[in-house]
Amino acid sequence: MRYGGSSSKSPTSKSRSRAGSKRKAQRPATPAINLTLDQRLDILGILLALGGILTLLSLLSASQGFLTGWWLGILRETFGWGVFAVPLVLMATGGWLLLRNFDKVPRPSGERIIGFGLAFLVALLTLQVVAVELQNGIPPAEVGGGRIGEWLRQTLVVAIGGPGTDARARSLNYRYEVRQPGRPQTRLSDGGAT
């Protein structure tokens, strides 16, 4: 009754109990399952490999269910005809993650990974340019290089113009000529006129 209240606790004991509760709140919660980095990478490798196998089987199947149809629709719209490389990349990445600790498995360098990625983007761009030429206009997203290929094509058209991006290589002003034995020379750039 020191401070006029009926409480037997002093003000310093209240502040100590608050400090104790703050210390309890600052402790990080321990996870239920502790996994090492190697174990996490192994699980990721298994998931990637299984995802690649299921995607490949779904691509080869004549009919798809709701979930696989949705997944393949996203992949086809994104990569176009390049969708067939996606399960191979998933399986290769997952397999490498599972086998990375063996001595005989080569470790890819950063340059090699970037090179494969750039080669895939160039392939999508080329597929998109071919699809545009075949369809005389912009094809649907599921053909050619998909949305990625169309974005790359549009970026190049803006940067260097349509003839520079065109599959006929008109940017260098070459005229391709077809010579057939016993026939007059025809020029493709003139529509076949001699």
N, C-alpha and C. Protein backbone atom coordinates (compact mmCIF):
# COMPACT_ATOMS: atom_id res chain seq x y z
N MET A 1 0.83 -1.18 0.00
CA MET A 1 0.00 0.00 0.00
C MET A 1 0.87 1.24 0.00
N ARG A 2 1.93 1.06 -0.54
CA ARG A 2 2.90 2.12 -0.54
C ARG A 2 2.51 3.28 -1.44
N TYR A 3 1.93 3.01 -2.56
CA TYR A 3 1.59 4.05 -3.53
C TYR A 3 0.11 4.36 -3.54
N GLY A 4 -0.58 3.98 -2.59
CA GLY A 4 -1.99 4.31 -2.48
C GLY A 4 -2.88 3.29 -3.17
N GLY A 5 -2.35 2.26 -3.71
CA GLY A 5 -3.16 1.26 -4.37
C GLY A 5 -3.24 0.02 -3.54
N SER A 6 -4.10 -0.87 -3.90
CA SER A 6 -4.25 -2.10 -3.15
C SER A 6 -3.30 -3.18 -3.66
N SER A 7 -2.54 -2.87 -4.64
CA SER A 7 -1.64 -3.86 -5.22
C SER A 7 -0.40 -4.01 -4.37
N SER A 8 0.07 -5.22 -4.22
CA SER A 8 1.27 -5.48 -3.43
C SER A 8 2.53 -5.42 -4.29
N LYS A 9 2.38 -5.35 -5.61
CA LYS A 9 3.54 -5.32 -6.50
C LYS A 9 4.04 -3.90 -6.65
N SER A 10 5.32 -3.75 -6.73
CA SER A 10 5.90 -2.44 -6.93
C SER A 10 5.98 -2.13 -8.42
N PRO A 11 6.13 -0.85 -8.82
CA PRO A 11 6.21 -0.51 -10.24
C PRO A 11 7.41 -1.12 -10.92
N THR A 12 8.47 -1.38 -10.22
CA THR A 12 9.63 -1.99 -10.85
C THR A 12 9.38 -3.44 -11.21
N SER A 13 8.55 -4.13 -10.44
CA SER A 13 8.26 -5.52 -10.78
C SER A 13 7.40 -5.61 -12.03
N LYS A 14 6.54 -4.61 -12.27
CA LYS A 14 5.74 -4.60 -13.50
C LYS A 14 6.63 -4.39 -14.72
N SER A 15 7.59 -3.50 -14.62
CA SER A 15 8.47 -3.26 -15.76
C SER A 15 9.35 -4.47 -16.03
N ARG A 16 9.72 -5.20 -14.99
CA ARG A 16 10.51 -6.42 -15.21
C ARG A 16 9.69 -7.48 -15.92
N SER A 17 8.44 -7.60 -15.58
CA SER A 17 7.61 -8.62 -16.24
C SER A 17 7.38 -8.26 -17.71
N ARG A 18 7.28 -6.98 -18.04
CA ARG A 18 7.15 -6.56 -19.44
C ARG A 18 8.42 -6.86 -20.22
N ALA A 19 9.56 -6.63 -19.62
CA ALA A 19 10.83 -6.91 -20.29
C ALA A 19 10.97 -8.41 -20.52
N GLY A 20 10.52 -9.21 -19.58
CA GLY A 20 10.58 -10.66 -19.75
C GLY A 20 9.69 -11.12 -20.88
N SER A 21 8.52 -10.52 -21.05
CA SER A 21 7.63 -10.91 -22.14
C SER A 21 8.20 -10.48 -23.49
N LYS A 22 8.94 -9.38 -23.52
CA LYS A 22 9.57 -8.96 -24.77
C LYS A 22 10.66 -9.94 -25.19
N ARG A 23 11.39 -10.46 -24.23
CA ARG A 23 12.43 -11.43 -24.56
C ARG A 23 11.83 -12.70 -25.11
N LYS A 24 10.71 -13.11 -24.60
CA LYS A 24 10.05 -14.30 -25.11
C LYS A 24 9.56 -14.09 -26.53
N ALA A 25 9.10 -12.91 -26.86
CA ALA A 25 8.59 -12.63 -28.20
C ALA A 25 9.72 -12.55 -29.22
N GLN A 26 10.94 -12.25 -28.79
CA GLN A 26 12.04 -12.08 -29.72
C GLN A 26 12.67 -13.41 -30.12
N ARG A 27 12.40 -14.46 -29.44
CA ARG A 27 12.99 -15.76 -29.78
C ARG A 27 12.37 -16.26 -31.09
N PRO A 28 13.21 -16.66 -32.03
CA PRO A 28 12.65 -17.20 -33.28
C PRO A 28 12.05 -18.58 -33.04
N ALA A 29 10.98 -18.83 -33.73
CA ALA A 29 10.34 -20.13 -33.61
C ALA A 29 11.19 -21.16 -34.35
N THR A 30 11.42 -22.28 -33.73
CA THR A 30 12.21 -23.33 -34.37
C THR A 30 11.29 -24.11 -35.31
N PRO A 31 11.76 -24.38 -36.53
CA PRO A 31 10.91 -25.12 -37.47
C PRO A 31 10.73 -26.56 -37.00
N ALA A 32 9.63 -27.14 -37.43
CA ALA A 32 9.33 -28.52 -37.03
C ALA A 32 10.30 -29.49 -37.69
N ILE A 33 10.75 -29.16 -38.91
CA ILE A 33 11.69 -30.02 -39.63
C ILE A 33 12.93 -29.19 -39.96
N ASN A 34 14.06 -29.61 -39.50
CA ASN A 34 15.33 -28.95 -39.82
C ASN A 34 16.00 -29.70 -40.97
N LEU A 35 16.15 -29.05 -42.11
CA LEU A 35 16.79 -29.66 -43.27
C LEU A 35 18.07 -28.91 -43.59
N THR A 36 19.08 -29.65 -43.98
CA THR A 36 20.32 -29.02 -44.41
C THR A 36 20.13 -28.51 -45.84
N LEU A 37 21.08 -27.72 -46.30
CA LEU A 37 21.01 -27.19 -47.66
C LEU A 37 21.04 -28.32 -48.69
N ASP A 38 21.87 -29.34 -48.46
CA ASP A 38 21.92 -30.48 -49.39
C ASP A 38 20.58 -31.20 -49.46
N GLN A 39 19.94 -31.37 -48.33
CA GLN A 39 18.64 -32.04 -48.33
C GLN A 39 17.59 -31.20 -49.06
N ARG A 40 17.63 -29.89 -48.87
CA ARG A 40 16.69 -29.02 -49.58
C ARG A 40 16.92 -29.07 -51.08
N LEU A 41 18.18 -29.07 -51.51
CA LEU A 41 18.48 -29.15 -52.94
C LEU A 41 18.08 -30.50 -53.52
N ASP A 42 18.22 -31.57 -52.74
CA ASP A 42 17.77 -32.89 -53.19
C ASP A 42 16.25 -32.91 -53.39
N ILE A 43 15.52 -32.32 -52.48
CA ILE A 43 14.06 -32.25 -52.61
C ILE A 43 13.67 -31.42 -53.81
N LEU A 44 14.35 -30.29 -54.01
CA LEU A 44 14.08 -29.46 -55.19
C LEU A 44 14.38 -30.23 -56.47
N GLY A 45 15.47 -30.99 -56.48
CA GLY A 45 15.81 -31.79 -57.66
C GLY A 45 14.76 -32.84 -57.96
N ILE A 46 14.25 -33.49 -56.93
CA ILE A 46 13.20 -34.50 -57.12
C ILE A 46 11.94 -33.84 -57.68
N LEU A 47 11.56 -32.68 -57.13
CA LEU A 47 10.36 -31.99 -57.61
C LEU A 47 10.52 -31.53 -59.06
N LEU A 48 11.69 -30.99 -59.40
CA LEU A 48 11.91 -30.55 -60.79
C LEU A 48 11.90 -31.73 -61.76
N ALA A 49 12.56 -32.83 -61.39
CA ALA A 49 12.59 -34.00 -62.26
C ALA A 49 11.19 -34.58 -62.44
N LEU A 50 10.44 -34.70 -61.35
CA LEU A 50 9.06 -35.21 -61.46
C LEU A 50 8.18 -34.26 -62.27
N GLY A 51 8.35 -32.96 -62.06
CA GLY A 51 7.59 -31.99 -62.85
C GLY A 51 7.91 -32.10 -64.33
N GLY A 52 9.18 -32.29 -64.66
CA GLY A 52 9.57 -32.46 -66.06
C GLY A 52 9.01 -33.73 -66.66
N ILE A 53 9.05 -34.82 -65.92
CA ILE A 53 8.51 -36.09 -66.42
C ILE A 53 7.01 -35.98 -66.64
N LEU A 54 6.29 -35.41 -65.66
CA LEU A 54 4.83 -35.26 -65.81
C LEU A 54 4.48 -34.32 -66.95
N THR A 55 5.26 -33.26 -67.13
CA THR A 55 5.00 -32.34 -68.24
C THR A 55 5.25 -33.02 -69.58
N LEU A 56 6.33 -33.79 -69.68
CA LEU A 56 6.61 -34.50 -70.93
C LEU A 56 5.52 -35.52 -71.24
N LEU A 57 5.10 -36.28 -70.23
CA LEU A 57 4.03 -37.26 -70.45
C LEU A 57 2.72 -36.57 -70.84
N SER A 58 2.45 -35.42 -70.26
CA SER A 58 1.24 -34.68 -70.60
C SER A 58 1.31 -34.14 -72.03
N LEU A 59 2.50 -33.72 -72.45
CA LEU A 59 2.65 -33.24 -73.83
C LEU A 59 2.46 -34.36 -74.83
N LEU A 60 2.90 -35.55 -74.48
CA LEU A 60 2.79 -36.68 -75.40
C LEU A 60 1.42 -37.33 -75.37
N SER A 61 0.62 -37.02 -74.37
CA SER A 61 -0.71 -37.61 -74.23
C SER A 61 -1.69 -36.97 -75.19
N ALA A 62 -2.63 -37.77 -75.68
CA ALA A 62 -3.64 -37.25 -76.61
C ALA A 62 -4.69 -36.42 -75.87
N SER A 63 -4.94 -36.70 -74.61
CA SER A 63 -5.91 -35.93 -73.84
C SER A 63 -5.31 -35.55 -72.50
N GLN A 64 -5.68 -34.38 -72.04
CA GLN A 64 -5.19 -33.89 -70.76
C GLN A 64 -6.36 -33.65 -69.82
N GLY A 65 -6.08 -33.76 -68.54
CA GLY A 65 -7.06 -33.41 -67.53
C GLY A 65 -7.09 -31.91 -67.31
N PHE A 66 -7.85 -31.48 -66.33
CA PHE A 66 -7.98 -30.05 -66.07
C PHE A 66 -6.64 -29.43 -65.67
N LEU A 67 -5.96 -30.05 -64.70
CA LEU A 67 -4.72 -29.48 -64.19
C LEU A 67 -3.61 -29.51 -65.23
N THR A 68 -3.43 -30.64 -65.91
CA THR A 68 -2.37 -30.72 -66.92
C THR A 68 -2.70 -29.86 -68.13
N GLY A 69 -3.97 -29.76 -68.48
CA GLY A 69 -4.36 -28.88 -69.58
C GLY A 69 -4.08 -27.42 -69.26
N TRP A 70 -4.36 -27.03 -68.01
CA TRP A 70 -4.07 -25.66 -67.57
C TRP A 70 -2.57 -25.40 -67.61
N TRP A 71 -1.77 -26.34 -67.08
CA TRP A 71 -0.32 -26.19 -67.04
C TRP A 71 0.27 -26.10 -68.45
N LEU A 72 -0.17 -27.00 -69.33
CA LEU A 72 0.34 -26.98 -70.70
C LEU A 72 -0.12 -25.74 -71.45
N GLY A 73 -1.31 -25.23 -71.14
CA GLY A 73 -1.78 -24.00 -71.77
C GLY A 73 -0.89 -22.82 -71.41
N ILE A 74 -0.49 -22.74 -70.15
CA ILE A 74 0.41 -21.67 -69.72
C ILE A 74 1.76 -21.81 -70.42
N LEU A 75 2.29 -23.03 -70.48
CA LEU A 75 3.59 -23.25 -71.12
C LEU A 75 3.53 -22.96 -72.62
N ARG A 76 2.46 -23.40 -73.29
CA ARG A 76 2.34 -23.15 -74.73
C ARG A 76 2.21 -21.67 -75.03
N GLU A 77 1.45 -20.97 -74.22
CA GLU A 77 1.29 -19.54 -74.43
C GLU A 77 2.59 -18.79 -74.18
N THR A 78 3.35 -19.24 -73.22
CA THR A 78 4.61 -18.57 -72.89
C THR A 78 5.72 -18.90 -73.86
N PHE A 79 5.88 -20.19 -74.22
CA PHE A 79 7.02 -20.62 -75.02
C PHE A 79 6.67 -21.03 -76.45
N GLY A 80 5.39 -21.12 -76.80
CA GLY A 80 5.01 -21.52 -78.15
C GLY A 80 5.50 -22.92 -78.46
N TRP A 81 6.15 -23.06 -79.62
CA TRP A 81 6.69 -24.38 -80.02
C TRP A 81 7.87 -24.78 -79.14
N GLY A 82 8.44 -23.86 -78.41
CA GLY A 82 9.53 -24.17 -77.50
C GLY A 82 9.08 -24.90 -76.24
N VAL A 83 7.79 -25.19 -76.14
CA VAL A 83 7.25 -25.88 -74.97
C VAL A 83 7.86 -27.28 -74.82
N PHE A 84 8.33 -27.86 -75.91
CA PHE A 84 8.88 -29.21 -75.84
C PHE A 84 10.26 -29.22 -75.18
N ALA A 85 10.93 -28.09 -75.11
CA ALA A 85 12.22 -28.02 -74.43
C ALA A 85 12.08 -27.85 -72.92
N VAL A 86 10.95 -27.36 -72.47
CA VAL A 86 10.76 -27.07 -71.05
C VAL A 86 10.86 -28.33 -70.18
N PRO A 87 10.17 -29.44 -70.51
CA PRO A 87 10.33 -30.62 -69.65
C PRO A 87 11.75 -31.18 -69.68
N LEU A 88 12.43 -31.04 -70.80
CA LEU A 88 13.81 -31.52 -70.87
C LEU A 88 14.72 -30.71 -69.95
N VAL A 89 14.51 -29.40 -69.92
CA VAL A 89 15.29 -28.53 -69.03
C VAL A 89 14.97 -28.84 -67.57
N LEU A 90 13.69 -29.04 -67.27
CA LEU A 90 13.30 -29.38 -65.89
C LEU A 90 13.93 -30.70 -65.45
N MET A 91 13.88 -31.71 -66.32
CA MET A 91 14.45 -33.01 -65.96
C MET A 91 15.97 -32.92 -65.83
N ALA A 92 16.63 -32.19 -66.74
CA ALA A 92 18.09 -32.08 -66.67
C ALA A 92 18.51 -31.33 -65.41
N THR A 93 17.82 -30.27 -65.07
CA THR A 93 18.15 -29.51 -63.86
C THR A 93 17.91 -30.35 -62.61
N GLY A 94 16.77 -31.02 -62.55
CA GLY A 94 16.48 -31.88 -61.40
C GLY A 94 17.46 -33.03 -61.28
N GLY A 95 17.82 -33.64 -62.41
CA GLY A 95 18.79 -34.73 -62.38
C GLY A 95 20.16 -34.25 -61.93
N TRP A 96 20.56 -33.06 -62.38
CA TRP A 96 21.85 -32.54 -61.95
C TRP A 96 21.85 -32.24 -60.45
N LEU A 97 20.74 -31.69 -59.95
CA LEU A 97 20.67 -31.41 -58.52
C LEU A 97 20.76 -32.69 -57.69
N LEU A 98 20.21 -33.78 -58.21
CA LEU A 98 20.27 -35.04 -57.47
C LEU A 98 21.65 -35.68 -57.56
N LEU A 99 22.34 -35.50 -58.68
CA LEU A 99 23.62 -36.16 -58.89
C LEU A 99 24.82 -35.24 -58.67
N ARG A 100 24.61 -34.05 -58.16
CA ARG A 100 25.68 -33.04 -58.08
C ARG A 100 26.82 -33.43 -57.16
N ASN A 101 26.60 -34.32 -56.21
CA ASN A 101 27.65 -34.67 -55.26
C ASN A 101 28.59 -35.77 -55.76
N PHE A 102 28.28 -36.38 -56.90
CA PHE A 102 29.16 -37.40 -57.45
C PHE A 102 30.32 -36.74 -58.17
N ASP A 103 31.46 -37.40 -58.16
CA ASP A 103 32.66 -36.82 -58.76
C ASP A 103 32.59 -36.75 -60.28
N LYS A 104 31.93 -37.68 -60.91
CA LYS A 104 31.91 -37.76 -62.38
C LYS A 104 30.94 -36.77 -63.03
N VAL A 105 30.04 -36.18 -62.27
CA VAL A 105 29.05 -35.26 -62.83
C VAL A 105 29.71 -33.90 -63.02
N PRO A 106 29.73 -33.39 -64.25
CA PRO A 106 30.37 -32.09 -64.49
C PRO A 106 29.56 -30.95 -63.89
N ARG A 107 30.27 -29.95 -63.41
CA ARG A 107 29.62 -28.76 -62.87
C ARG A 107 29.58 -27.71 -63.97
N PRO A 108 28.38 -27.30 -64.39
CA PRO A 108 28.32 -26.29 -65.46
C PRO A 108 28.77 -24.92 -64.93
N SER A 109 29.50 -24.23 -65.76
CA SER A 109 29.95 -22.88 -65.38
C SER A 109 28.82 -21.89 -65.62
N GLY A 110 28.96 -20.72 -65.04
CA GLY A 110 27.95 -19.68 -65.23
C GLY A 110 27.84 -19.27 -66.69
N GLU A 111 28.97 -19.24 -67.39
CA GLU A 111 28.95 -18.87 -68.81
C GLU A 111 28.16 -19.88 -69.63
N ARG A 112 28.31 -21.14 -69.30
CA ARG A 112 27.59 -22.18 -70.05
C ARG A 112 26.09 -22.08 -69.82
N ILE A 113 25.68 -21.83 -68.59
CA ILE A 113 24.26 -21.69 -68.27
C ILE A 113 23.67 -20.48 -68.99
N ILE A 114 24.39 -19.36 -68.96
CA ILE A 114 23.94 -18.17 -69.67
C ILE A 114 23.88 -18.43 -71.17
N GLY A 115 24.86 -19.16 -71.70
CA GLY A 115 24.86 -19.49 -73.12
C GLY A 115 23.66 -20.34 -73.53
N PHE A 116 23.32 -21.34 -72.71
CA PHE A 116 22.14 -22.15 -73.00
C PHE A 116 20.87 -21.31 -72.94
N GLY A 117 20.80 -20.43 -71.96
CA GLY A 117 19.62 -19.56 -71.85
C GLY A 117 19.49 -18.64 -73.05
N LEU A 118 20.59 -18.05 -73.48
CA LEU A 118 20.55 -17.17 -74.66
C LEU A 118 20.23 -17.95 -75.93
N ALA A 119 20.77 -19.17 -76.05
CA ALA A 119 20.45 -20.00 -77.22
C ALA A 119 18.96 -20.33 -77.26
N PHE A 120 18.37 -20.59 -76.10
CA PHE A 120 16.93 -20.87 -76.05
C PHE A 120 16.13 -19.64 -76.46
N LEU A 121 16.53 -18.46 -75.99
CA LEU A 121 15.83 -17.22 -76.38
C LEU A 121 15.96 -16.96 -77.88
N VAL A 122 17.14 -17.21 -78.45
CA VAL A 122 17.32 -17.03 -79.89
C VAL A 122 16.46 -18.03 -80.65
N ALA A 123 16.36 -19.26 -80.14
CA ALA A 123 15.50 -20.25 -80.78
C ALA A 123 14.04 -19.81 -80.75
N LEU A 124 13.57 -19.26 -79.62
CA LEU A 124 12.20 -18.76 -79.54
C LEU A 124 11.97 -17.61 -80.51
N LEU A 125 12.95 -16.71 -80.61
CA LEU A 125 12.86 -15.59 -81.56
C LEU A 125 12.78 -16.11 -82.98
N THR A 126 13.63 -17.07 -83.33
CA THR A 126 13.63 -17.62 -84.69
C THR A 126 12.31 -18.31 -84.99
N LEU A 127 11.79 -19.08 -84.05
CA LEU A 127 10.51 -19.74 -84.26
C LEU A 127 9.39 -18.72 -84.47
N GLN A 128 9.44 -17.62 -83.75
CA GLN A 128 8.41 -16.59 -83.88
C GLN A 128 8.51 -15.90 -85.24
N VAL A 129 9.72 -15.59 -85.69
CA VAL A 129 9.89 -14.95 -87.00
C VAL A 129 9.39 -15.88 -88.10
N VAL A 130 9.70 -17.16 -88.00
CA VAL A 130 9.22 -18.14 -89.00
C VAL A 130 7.70 -18.22 -88.96
N ALA A 131 7.10 -18.25 -87.77
CA ALA A 131 5.64 -18.33 -87.67
C ALA A 131 4.98 -17.09 -88.26
N VAL A 132 5.56 -15.93 -88.04
CA VAL A 132 5.00 -14.70 -88.60
C VAL A 132 5.08 -14.74 -90.12
N GLU A 133 6.17 -15.22 -90.66
CA GLU A 133 6.32 -15.32 -92.11
C GLU A 133 5.35 -16.33 -92.71
N LEU A 134 5.16 -17.45 -92.02
CA LEU A 134 4.26 -18.48 -92.53
C LEU A 134 2.80 -18.05 -92.48
N GLN A 135 2.44 -17.26 -91.50
CA GLN A 135 1.04 -16.88 -91.34
C GLN A 135 0.74 -15.48 -91.87
N ASN A 136 1.73 -14.81 -92.44
CA ASN A 136 1.57 -13.45 -92.98
C ASN A 136 0.93 -12.51 -91.95
N GLY A 137 1.42 -12.53 -90.78
CA GLY A 137 0.92 -11.68 -89.71
C GLY A 137 1.28 -12.29 -88.38
N ILE A 138 0.78 -11.70 -87.33
CA ILE A 138 1.10 -12.19 -85.99
C ILE A 138 0.24 -13.42 -85.69
N PRO A 139 0.90 -14.55 -85.44
CA PRO A 139 0.14 -15.78 -85.17
C PRO A 139 -0.37 -15.79 -83.73
N PRO A 140 -1.23 -16.75 -83.41
CA PRO A 140 -1.67 -16.89 -82.02
C PRO A 140 -0.48 -17.20 -81.12
N ALA A 141 -0.67 -17.02 -79.82
CA ALA A 141 0.44 -17.16 -78.87
C ALA A 141 0.96 -18.59 -78.77
N GLU A 142 0.16 -19.60 -79.12
CA GLU A 142 0.57 -20.99 -78.95
C GLU A 142 1.54 -21.47 -80.02
N VAL A 143 1.75 -20.72 -81.08
CA VAL A 143 2.67 -21.14 -82.13
C VAL A 143 3.89 -20.23 -82.13
N GLY A 144 4.88 -20.63 -82.88
CA GLY A 144 6.10 -19.83 -82.96
C GLY A 144 6.85 -19.87 -81.64
N GLY A 145 7.29 -18.72 -81.20
CA GLY A 145 8.06 -18.62 -79.97
C GLY A 145 7.23 -18.22 -78.78
N GLY A 146 5.91 -18.20 -78.91
CA GLY A 146 5.05 -17.83 -77.79
C GLY A 146 5.15 -16.35 -77.47
N ARG A 147 4.72 -16.02 -76.29
CA ARG A 147 4.75 -14.61 -75.87
C ARG A 147 6.19 -14.10 -75.73
N ILE A 148 7.09 -14.96 -75.29
CA ILE A 148 8.49 -14.53 -75.16
C ILE A 148 9.08 -14.25 -76.53
N GLY A 149 8.84 -15.15 -77.49
CA GLY A 149 9.34 -14.94 -78.85
C GLY A 149 8.75 -13.70 -79.51
N GLU A 150 7.47 -13.46 -79.29
CA GLU A 150 6.84 -12.26 -79.87
C GLU A 150 7.37 -11.00 -79.22
N TRP A 151 7.62 -11.02 -77.92
CA TRP A 151 8.20 -9.85 -77.26
C TRP A 151 9.59 -9.58 -77.80
N LEU A 152 10.39 -10.63 -77.97
CA LEU A 152 11.74 -10.45 -78.53
C LEU A 152 11.67 -9.92 -79.96
N ARG A 153 10.73 -10.45 -80.76
CA ARG A 153 10.59 -10.00 -82.15
C ARG A 153 10.18 -8.54 -82.20
N GLN A 154 9.21 -8.15 -81.37
CA GLN A 154 8.77 -6.76 -81.35
C GLN A 154 9.90 -5.83 -80.89
N THR A 155 10.69 -6.29 -79.92
CA THR A 155 11.82 -5.49 -79.45
C THR A 155 12.83 -5.28 -80.57
N LEU A 156 13.10 -6.32 -81.34
CA LEU A 156 14.04 -6.17 -82.46
C LEU A 156 13.46 -5.32 -83.59
N VAL A 157 12.17 -5.44 -83.84
CA VAL A 157 11.55 -4.62 -84.88
C VAL A 157 11.67 -3.15 -84.52
N VAL A 158 11.44 -2.82 -83.25
CA VAL A 158 11.57 -1.44 -82.81
C VAL A 158 13.03 -0.99 -82.88
N ALA A 159 13.97 -1.88 -82.50
CA ALA A 159 15.38 -1.50 -82.44
C ALA A 159 16.02 -1.38 -83.82
N ILE A 160 15.79 -2.36 -84.70
CA ILE A 160 16.48 -2.34 -86.00
C ILE A 160 15.55 -2.36 -87.18
N GLY A 161 14.26 -2.34 -86.96
CA GLY A 161 13.30 -2.29 -88.06
C GLY A 161 12.89 -3.68 -88.53
N GLY A 162 11.80 -3.71 -89.27
CA GLY A 162 11.25 -4.97 -89.76
C GLY A 162 12.18 -5.73 -90.68
N PRO A 163 12.79 -5.06 -91.67
CA PRO A 163 13.67 -5.81 -92.56
C PRO A 163 14.87 -6.43 -91.84
N GLY A 164 15.36 -5.80 -90.79
CA GLY A 164 16.47 -6.38 -90.06
C GLY A 164 16.08 -7.62 -89.30
N THR A 165 14.85 -7.71 -88.90
CA THR A 165 14.36 -8.85 -88.15
C THR A 165 13.82 -9.94 -89.06
N ASP A 166 13.51 -9.59 -90.27
CA ASP A 166 12.86 -10.49 -91.21
C ASP A 166 13.73 -11.71 -91.50
N ALA A 167 13.07 -12.86 -91.73
CA ALA A 167 13.77 -14.11 -91.99
C ALA A 167 14.48 -14.09 -93.34
N ARG A 168 14.15 -13.18 -94.22
CA ARG A 168 14.77 -13.14 -95.56
C ARG A 168 16.06 -12.35 -95.59
N ALA A 169 16.50 -11.81 -94.45
CA ALA A 169 17.77 -11.09 -94.32
C ALA A 169 17.90 -9.94 -95.32
N ARG A 170 16.83 -9.15 -95.45
CA ARG A 170 16.87 -8.01 -96.37
C ARG A 170 17.66 -6.84 -95.80
N SER A 171 18.07 -6.91 -94.55
CA SER A 171 18.76 -5.78 -93.93
C SER A 171 20.10 -5.49 -94.59
N LEU A 172 20.71 -6.49 -95.22
CA LEU A 172 22.00 -6.28 -95.88
C LEU A 172 21.85 -6.08 -97.39
N ASN A 173 20.64 -5.96 -97.90
CA ASN A 173 20.34 -5.77 -99.31
C ASN A 173 20.90 -6.85 -100.22
N TYR A 174 20.90 -8.09 -99.74
CA TYR A 174 21.29 -9.19 -100.60
C TYR A 174 20.10 -9.60 -101.44
N ARG A 175 20.36 -10.00 -102.66
CA ARG A 175 19.32 -10.57 -103.51
C ARG A 175 19.65 -12.03 -103.70
N TYR A 176 18.77 -12.87 -103.23
CA TYR A 176 18.99 -14.29 -103.38
C TYR A 176 18.50 -14.72 -104.75
N GLU A 177 19.37 -15.40 -105.44
CA GLU A 177 19.03 -15.83 -106.79
C GLU A 177 19.04 -17.34 -106.83
N VAL A 178 18.09 -17.90 -107.55
CA VAL A 178 17.99 -19.34 -107.72
C VAL A 178 18.42 -19.67 -109.13
N ARG A 179 19.42 -20.52 -109.25
CA ARG A 179 19.88 -20.94 -110.58
C ARG A 179 19.51 -22.39 -110.77
N GLN A 180 18.78 -22.63 -111.83
CA GLN A 180 18.41 -23.99 -112.16
C GLN A 180 18.99 -24.30 -113.54
N PRO A 181 19.58 -25.46 -113.70
CA PRO A 181 20.16 -25.78 -115.00
C PRO A 181 19.11 -25.82 -116.10
N GLY A 182 19.40 -25.16 -117.21
CA GLY A 182 18.51 -25.17 -118.36
C GLY A 182 17.35 -24.20 -118.26
N ARG A 183 17.27 -23.40 -117.24
CA ARG A 183 16.19 -22.43 -117.08
C ARG A 183 16.80 -21.05 -116.88
N PRO A 184 16.04 -20.03 -117.22
CA PRO A 184 16.57 -18.69 -116.96
C PRO A 184 16.63 -18.42 -115.45
N GLN A 185 17.47 -17.49 -115.12
CA GLN A 185 17.69 -17.14 -113.73
C GLN A 185 16.46 -16.45 -113.15
N THR A 186 16.07 -16.83 -111.93
CA THR A 186 14.92 -16.18 -111.28
C THR A 186 15.40 -15.54 -110.00
N ARG A 187 14.78 -14.46 -109.64
CA ARG A 187 15.10 -13.76 -108.40
C ARG A 187 13.94 -13.89 -107.44
N LEU A 188 14.23 -14.32 -106.24
CA LEU A 188 13.18 -14.45 -105.24
C LEU A 188 12.66 -13.11 -104.79
N SER A 189 13.52 -12.09 -104.79
CA SER A 189 13.08 -10.80 -104.30
C SER A 189 12.12 -10.11 -105.27
N ASP A 190 12.10 -10.53 -106.52
CA ASP A 190 11.18 -9.96 -107.51
C ASP A 190 9.93 -10.80 -107.67
N GLY A 191 9.75 -11.80 -106.84
CA GLY A 191 8.57 -12.64 -106.94
C GLY A 191 8.70 -13.67 -108.06
N GLY A 192 9.93 -13.95 -108.50
CA GLY A 192 10.13 -14.97 -109.50
C GLY A 192 10.26 -14.45 -110.91
N ALA A 193 10.19 -13.14 -111.12
CA ALA A 193 10.32 -12.58 -112.47
C ALA A 193 11.77 -12.58 -112.88
N THR A 194 12.02 -12.74 -114.17
CA THR A 194 13.40 -12.73 -114.66
C THR A 194 13.79 -11.40 -115.23
